C-alpha cells in the first residue's frame, strides 16, 4: 500500500468505487415479477386477436408436416396452433402455466395434438439440436437476458433448421405504447427494452456474426398488424383489464396517475388511428425474422 494512503482513505475510495458501479440486475427477481405480470389480467383475450401473425410466420418459416417444432414463450398458442395445423409435431412452452392451459384448450377444440410444457426461455429443457424449427411470436422478446435466449434457441434447433420470430419494433405502435407506459411506471433498472428485438441490428448481433462466430443467417422483413377495436376507449378498457403490462401499470398508479396514463394512451391512439371517428384501426409494425441455423 502507498504509505501516504491510510486504511481509512482506502476504505473510503473502495466505497466510492462501489457506489459508482451500478449493481447487476437481479434477473431472478425480475423474471418473477414478469411472470406475475403476464399471469395477471387475461392475455388470451388480446393474444387470440394476433393469430394471423402466427399463421404468417408459419408460412414464411415453411413449417412442414412431420417436423419437430418448438414454440418458445408461446402465450396462449398462436404460433403453436399454426404449426400444428400444418401437421408438425409441436411442443408449446411458456413460464405462465395458465397461458399453456388456454393454449391446450384451443388445441383440444380443434382436435390438434400438441405437447404443452412449462419452460423458461432462458433455460430450455431440451437436448441440443432437438428441433427442426423454433418459433416465438411477441414472446421471447420480453425475456430480460437477450443473449441467453438467443443462445438457447440456437442450441436446441438442429444445424440446417430455422428460427422464426415476430417482434414489435421500437418505432411501431406497441413500441411507442411501452414508452408511454414506461414514462408513468419505469421498468426495472438495468433491463434492456424488449423492443430491441424489433431492431435488425440487434437481431443480427444476437444470431448472426455476433453469435458464436456467425452460427446463423438472419433475414428480416417489416410487417404490419392492425389492432381493431370499437374505439380508443374500448382499446384502453381491454388492455387495462386483460393485457398484463398495461393491467399492472394501471394497478400500480394512484387515481391521478391512472388518469394521466389513460390520457397519454388515448392521445397515442388518436394520433395513429386510420379509421376515423367511427372505429379504431391502429397499424402496428413488427419485425418478421427468419434465422437459418448453419
Protein backbone atom coordinates (compact mmCIF):
# COMPACT_ATOMS: atom_id res chain seq x y z
CA UNK A 1 0.00 0.00 0.00
CA UNK A 2 1.17 3.53 -0.72
CA UNK A 3 2.44 4.84 2.66
CA UNK A 4 0.68 8.17 2.07
CA UNK A 5 -2.70 6.42 1.85
CA UNK A 6 -4.23 5.46 5.19
CA UNK A 7 -6.52 2.42 5.64
CA UNK A 8 -9.40 4.83 6.14
CA UNK A 9 -8.63 6.50 2.80
CA UNK A 10 -8.51 3.11 1.06
CA UNK A 11 -11.84 2.08 2.57
CA UNK A 12 -13.42 5.37 1.51
CA UNK A 13 -12.07 5.01 -2.03
CA UNK A 14 -13.39 1.44 -2.30
CA UNK A 15 -16.82 2.55 -1.10
CA UNK A 16 -16.86 5.38 -3.63
CA UNK A 17 -15.95 3.00 -6.46
CA UNK A 18 -18.65 0.54 -5.40
CA UNK A 19 -21.23 3.31 -5.26
CA UNK A 20 -20.27 4.45 -8.77
CA UNK A 21 -20.61 0.92 -10.19
CA UNK A 22 -24.25 0.03 -10.97
CA UNK A 23 -25.44 -3.13 -9.26
CA UNK A 24 -26.09 -6.04 -11.59
CA UNK A 25 -29.82 -6.60 -12.17
CA UNK A 26 -31.40 -9.35 -10.08
CA UNK A 27 -32.71 -11.36 -13.02
CA UNK A 28 -34.38 -13.94 -10.80
CA UNK A 29 -36.47 -11.28 -9.10
CA UNK A 30 -37.13 -9.54 -12.42
CA UNK A 31 -38.41 -12.74 -14.01
CA UNK A 32 -40.62 -13.45 -11.02
CA UNK A 33 -42.21 -10.01 -11.42
CA UNK A 34 -42.54 -10.51 -15.17
CA UNK A 35 -44.21 -13.87 -14.64
CA UNK A 36 -46.69 -12.29 -12.26
CA UNK A 37 -47.33 -9.52 -14.79
CA UNK A 38 -48.14 -11.89 -17.65
CA UNK A 39 -50.24 -14.06 -15.34
CA UNK A 40 -52.34 -11.02 -14.40
CA UNK A 41 -55.34 -9.94 -16.40
CA UNK A 42 -56.06 -12.45 -19.16
CA UNK A 43 -53.57 -12.21 -22.01
CA UNK A 44 -55.54 -14.71 -24.09
CA UNK A 45 -58.22 -12.06 -24.70
CA UNK A 46 -55.65 -9.97 -26.55
CA UNK A 47 -53.47 -12.85 -27.73
CA UNK A 48 -56.15 -14.53 -29.81
CA UNK A 49 -56.55 -11.37 -31.91
CA UNK A 50 -52.91 -11.82 -33.06
CA UNK A 51 -53.49 -15.27 -34.59
CA UNK A 52 -52.86 -14.06 -38.13
CA UNK A 53 -49.24 -13.29 -37.17
CA UNK A 54 -48.68 -16.92 -36.15
CA UNK A 55 -50.12 -18.13 -39.45
CA UNK A 56 -47.93 -15.76 -41.46
CA UNK A 57 -44.83 -16.79 -39.50
CA UNK A 58 -45.53 -20.50 -40.01
CA UNK A 59 -45.72 -19.87 -43.76
CA UNK A 60 -42.57 -17.79 -44.05
CA UNK A 61 -40.59 -20.33 -41.98
CA UNK A 62 -42.08 -23.07 -44.19
CA UNK A 63 -43.38 -25.39 -41.46
CA UNK A 64 -43.82 -28.87 -42.95
CA UNK A 65 -45.70 -31.97 -41.88
CA UNK A 66 -43.74 -34.17 -39.51
CA UNK A 67 -41.18 -31.55 -38.49
CA UNK A 68 -40.34 -31.08 -34.81
CA UNK A 69 -41.40 -27.55 -33.81
CA UNK A 70 -40.84 -25.69 -30.53
CA UNK A 71 -42.87 -22.59 -29.64
CA UNK A 72 -40.97 -20.50 -27.05
CA UNK A 73 -42.86 -18.11 -24.76
CA UNK A 74 -45.93 -19.32 -26.60
CA UNK A 75 -48.56 -17.48 -24.60
CA UNK A 76 -51.94 -18.95 -25.47
CA UNK A 77 -50.54 -20.64 -28.55
CA UNK A 78 -50.87 -18.65 -31.78
CA UNK A 79 -47.69 -20.00 -33.41
CA UNK A 80 -48.31 -23.36 -31.72
CA UNK A 81 -51.68 -23.78 -33.40
CA UNK A 82 -50.42 -22.50 -36.74
CA UNK A 83 -47.65 -25.13 -36.77
CA UNK A 84 -49.96 -27.91 -35.57
CA UNK A 85 -52.45 -27.07 -38.33
CA UNK A 86 -49.62 -27.79 -40.75
CA UNK A 87 -49.24 -31.28 -39.27
CA UNK A 88 -45.98 -30.60 -37.46
CA UNK A 89 -45.11 -32.23 -34.13
CA UNK A 90 -45.34 -29.25 -31.79
CA UNK A 91 -44.08 -28.60 -28.26
CA UNK A 92 -45.53 -25.41 -26.77
CA UNK A 93 -43.72 -23.75 -23.83
CA UNK A 94 -44.25 -20.76 -21.56
CA UNK A 95 -43.40 -19.86 -17.97
CA UNK A 96 -47.04 -18.98 -17.20
CA UNK A 97 -48.94 -22.27 -16.75
CA UNK A 98 -52.33 -20.58 -17.07
CA UNK A 99 -51.48 -19.48 -20.61
CA UNK A 100 -50.47 -23.02 -21.55
CA UNK A 101 -53.85 -24.19 -20.26
CA UNK A 102 -55.56 -21.71 -22.59
CA UNK A 103 -53.45 -22.93 -25.49
CA UNK A 104 -54.24 -26.54 -24.62
CA UNK A 105 -57.97 -25.79 -24.64
CA UNK A 106 -57.67 -24.17 -28.07
CA UNK A 107 -55.75 -27.17 -29.44
CA UNK A 108 -58.29 -29.60 -28.00
CA UNK A 109 -61.16 -27.66 -29.56
CA UNK A 110 -59.56 -28.22 -32.98
CA UNK A 111 -58.51 -31.81 -32.32
CA UNK A 112 -54.82 -30.91 -32.60
CA UNK A 113 -52.16 -32.96 -30.80
CA UNK A 114 -49.69 -30.65 -29.07
CA UNK A 115 -47.34 -31.17 -26.11
CA UNK A 116 -47.59 -28.32 -23.60
CA UNK A 117 -44.70 -27.84 -21.16
CA UNK A 118 -43.79 -25.08 -18.66
CA UNK A 119 -40.33 -23.78 -19.54
CA UNK A 120 -38.11 -20.72 -19.18
CA UNK A 121 -36.94 -19.21 -22.49
CA UNK A 122 -33.54 -18.58 -20.91
CA UNK A 123 -33.05 -22.22 -19.89
CA UNK A 124 -34.86 -24.52 -22.31
CA UNK A 125 -35.11 -28.14 -21.03
CA UNK A 126 -34.23 -29.80 -24.33
CA UNK A 127 -31.21 -31.51 -25.87
CA UNK A 128 -29.01 -29.78 -28.42
CA UNK A 129 -30.43 -29.90 -31.95
CA UNK A 130 -33.74 -31.37 -30.77
CA UNK A 131 -35.97 -29.32 -33.12
CA UNK A 132 -36.24 -28.56 -36.82
CA UNK A 133 -37.93 -25.22 -36.13
CA UNK A 134 -38.18 -22.83 -33.17
CA UNK A 135 -40.89 -20.15 -33.17
CA UNK A 136 -41.86 -17.20 -30.98
CA UNK A 137 -44.47 -14.54 -31.63
CA UNK A 138 -44.22 -11.49 -29.36
CA UNK A 139 -42.94 -13.79 -26.62
CA UNK A 140 -39.21 -14.35 -26.21
CA UNK A 141 -38.63 -10.63 -26.80
CA UNK A 142 -39.88 -9.94 -23.26
CA UNK A 143 -37.29 -12.14 -21.51
CA UNK A 144 -34.67 -9.96 -19.78
CA UNK A 145 -31.45 -11.69 -20.91
CA UNK A 146 -31.41 -11.32 -24.69
CA UNK A 147 -28.16 -13.13 -25.48
CA UNK A 148 -29.06 -16.06 -23.29
CA UNK A 149 -32.41 -16.55 -25.04
CA UNK A 150 -30.83 -16.35 -28.48
CA UNK A 151 -28.16 -18.85 -27.49
CA UNK A 152 -30.78 -21.27 -26.16
CA UNK A 153 -32.84 -21.11 -29.35
CA UNK A 154 -29.74 -21.66 -31.47
CA UNK A 155 -28.74 -24.56 -29.24
CA UNK A 156 -32.00 -26.51 -29.47
CA UNK A 157 -32.51 -26.09 -33.23
CA UNK A 158 -30.58 -28.52 -35.43
CA UNK A 159 -27.98 -27.39 -37.99
CA UNK A 160 -29.96 -26.52 -41.11
CA UNK A 161 -33.05 -25.73 -39.02
CA UNK A 162 -34.92 -22.44 -38.77
CA UNK A 163 -35.92 -19.97 -36.07
CA UNK A 164 -38.95 -17.77 -36.77
CA UNK A 165 -39.72 -14.68 -34.70
CA UNK A 166 -42.29 -11.89 -34.69
CA UNK A 167 -41.15 -8.92 -32.58
CA UNK A 168 -42.68 -5.46 -32.10
CA UNK A 169 -40.40 -2.69 -33.40
CA UNK A 170 -39.24 0.25 -31.27
CA UNK A 171 -40.90 2.84 -33.52
CA UNK A 172 -44.15 0.95 -34.09
CA UNK A 173 -47.34 1.35 -32.09
CA UNK A 174 -46.60 -1.23 -29.38
CA UNK A 175 -43.01 0.03 -29.05
CA UNK A 176 -44.38 3.54 -28.54
CA UNK A 177 -47.07 2.25 -26.17
CA UNK A 178 -44.38 0.74 -23.94
CA UNK A 179 -42.55 4.07 -23.92
CA UNK A 180 -45.76 5.77 -22.76
CA UNK A 181 -46.22 3.18 -20.01
CA UNK A 182 -42.55 3.45 -19.01
CA UNK A 183 -42.90 7.21 -18.57
CA UNK A 184 -45.51 6.54 -15.87
CA UNK A 185 -44.20 3.24 -14.41
CA UNK A 186 -40.44 2.95 -15.07
CA UNK A 187 -39.13 -0.54 -15.95
CA UNK A 188 -36.56 -2.28 -13.69
CA UNK A 189 -33.13 -0.63 -13.74
CA UNK A 190 -30.56 -2.29 -15.96
CA UNK A 191 -33.03 -4.24 -18.10
CA UNK A 192 -32.90 -3.55 -21.81
CA UNK A 193 -36.05 -2.74 -23.74
CA UNK A 194 -37.86 -5.73 -25.27
CA UNK A 195 -38.38 -3.58 -28.37
CA UNK A 196 -34.68 -4.07 -29.21
CA UNK A 197 -35.79 -7.46 -30.58
CA UNK A 198 -37.53 -5.44 -33.29
CA UNK A 199 -34.22 -3.92 -34.42
CA UNK A 200 -32.45 -5.66 -37.31
CA UNK A 201 -29.06 -4.61 -35.95
CA UNK A 202 -29.81 -6.16 -32.56
CA UNK A 203 -31.12 -9.39 -34.12
CA UNK A 204 -28.02 -9.76 -36.28
CA UNK A 205 -25.83 -9.26 -33.22
CA UNK A 206 -27.80 -11.92 -31.33
CA UNK A 207 -27.98 -14.54 -34.08
CA UNK A 208 -25.55 -13.57 -36.82
CA UNK A 209 -21.87 -12.62 -36.73
CA UNK A 210 -22.13 -11.67 -33.09
CA UNK A 211 -23.38 -15.11 -32.04
CA UNK A 212 -20.51 -17.54 -31.74
CA UNK A 213 -18.71 -16.54 -34.91
CA UNK A 214 -21.66 -16.49 -37.28
CA UNK A 215 -23.80 -19.51 -36.41
CA UNK A 216 -26.80 -18.41 -38.49
CA UNK A 217 -28.07 -16.34 -41.39
CA UNK A 218 -30.67 -13.71 -40.46
CA UNK A 219 -33.42 -12.37 -42.74
CA UNK A 220 -35.79 -9.64 -41.59
CA UNK A 221 -38.94 -8.10 -43.05
CA UNK A 222 -41.15 -5.37 -41.64
CA UNK A 223 -44.83 -6.29 -41.35
CA UNK A 224 -47.99 -4.62 -40.07
CA UNK A 225 -50.61 -5.96 -37.70
CA UNK A 226 -53.76 -3.88 -37.38
CA UNK A 227 -55.29 -3.51 -33.93
CA UNK A 228 -59.04 -3.25 -34.47
CA UNK A 229 -61.33 -2.05 -31.68
CA UNK A 230 -64.65 -0.24 -31.41
CA UNK A 231 -62.96 2.95 -30.21
CA UNK A 232 -59.89 4.25 -28.43
CA UNK A 233 -61.76 3.97 -25.14
CA UNK A 234 -62.57 0.32 -25.95
CA UNK A 235 -58.88 -0.40 -26.59
CA UNK A 236 -57.88 1.14 -23.25
CA UNK A 237 -60.58 -0.85 -21.47
CA UNK A 238 -59.42 -4.16 -22.96
CA UNK A 239 -55.71 -3.53 -22.40
CA UNK A 240 -56.26 -2.19 -18.88
CA UNK A 241 -58.30 -5.23 -17.89
CA UNK A 242 -56.54 -8.05 -19.75
CA UNK A 243 -53.05 -7.19 -21.12
CA UNK A 244 -50.59 -7.92 -18.30
CA UNK A 245 -48.12 -5.00 -18.66
CA UNK A 246 -50.90 -2.42 -19.04
CA UNK A 247 -53.03 -4.07 -16.35
CA UNK A 248 -50.15 -3.94 -13.86
CA UNK A 249 -49.22 -0.36 -14.80
CA UNK A 250 -52.72 0.93 -14.09
CA UNK A 251 -52.85 -1.07 -10.85
CA UNK A 252 -49.56 0.44 -9.66
CA UNK A 253 -50.69 4.05 -10.02
CA UNK A 254 -52.88 6.26 -7.84
CA UNK A 255 -56.10 7.68 -9.28
CA UNK A 256 -54.40 10.76 -10.76
CA UNK A 257 -51.65 8.62 -12.26
CA UNK A 258 -54.15 6.24 -13.86
CA UNK A 259 -56.00 9.18 -15.39
CA UNK A 260 -52.75 10.58 -16.78
CA UNK A 261 -51.72 7.22 -18.24
CA UNK A 262 -55.13 6.78 -19.86
CA UNK A 263 -54.92 10.28 -21.30
CA UNK A 264 -51.50 9.61 -22.84
CA UNK A 265 -52.58 6.27 -24.33
CA UNK A 266 -55.69 7.87 -25.81
CA UNK A 267 -53.52 10.60 -27.35
CA UNK A 268 -51.26 7.98 -28.96
CA UNK A 269 -54.27 6.09 -30.30
CA UNK A 270 -55.75 9.32 -31.65
CA UNK A 271 -52.51 10.08 -33.48
CA UNK A 272 -52.25 6.63 -35.10
CA UNK A 273 -55.90 5.71 -35.75
CA UNK A 274 -56.53 5.38 -39.51
CA UNK A 275 -60.23 4.52 -39.24
CA UNK A 276 -61.70 7.91 -38.47
CA UNK A 277 -64.09 8.70 -35.61
CA UNK A 278 -66.41 5.73 -36.11
CA UNK A 279 -63.93 2.98 -35.18
CA UNK A 280 -60.31 2.26 -34.27
CA UNK A 281 -57.73 0.73 -36.58
CA UNK A 282 -54.13 1.23 -35.47
CA UNK A 283 -51.36 -0.25 -37.66
CA UNK A 284 -48.56 -1.70 -35.54
CA UNK A 285 -45.22 -2.53 -37.13
CA UNK A 286 -43.41 -5.72 -36.22
CA UNK A 287 -40.25 -7.39 -37.46
CA UNK A 288 -40.66 -10.83 -39.01
CA UNK A 289 -37.39 -12.71 -38.59
CA UNK A 290 -36.14 -15.97 -40.11
CA UNK A 291 -32.87 -17.29 -38.71
CA UNK A 292 -31.33 -20.18 -40.65
CA UNK A 293 -29.02 -22.26 -38.44
CA UNK A 294 -25.71 -23.21 -40.04
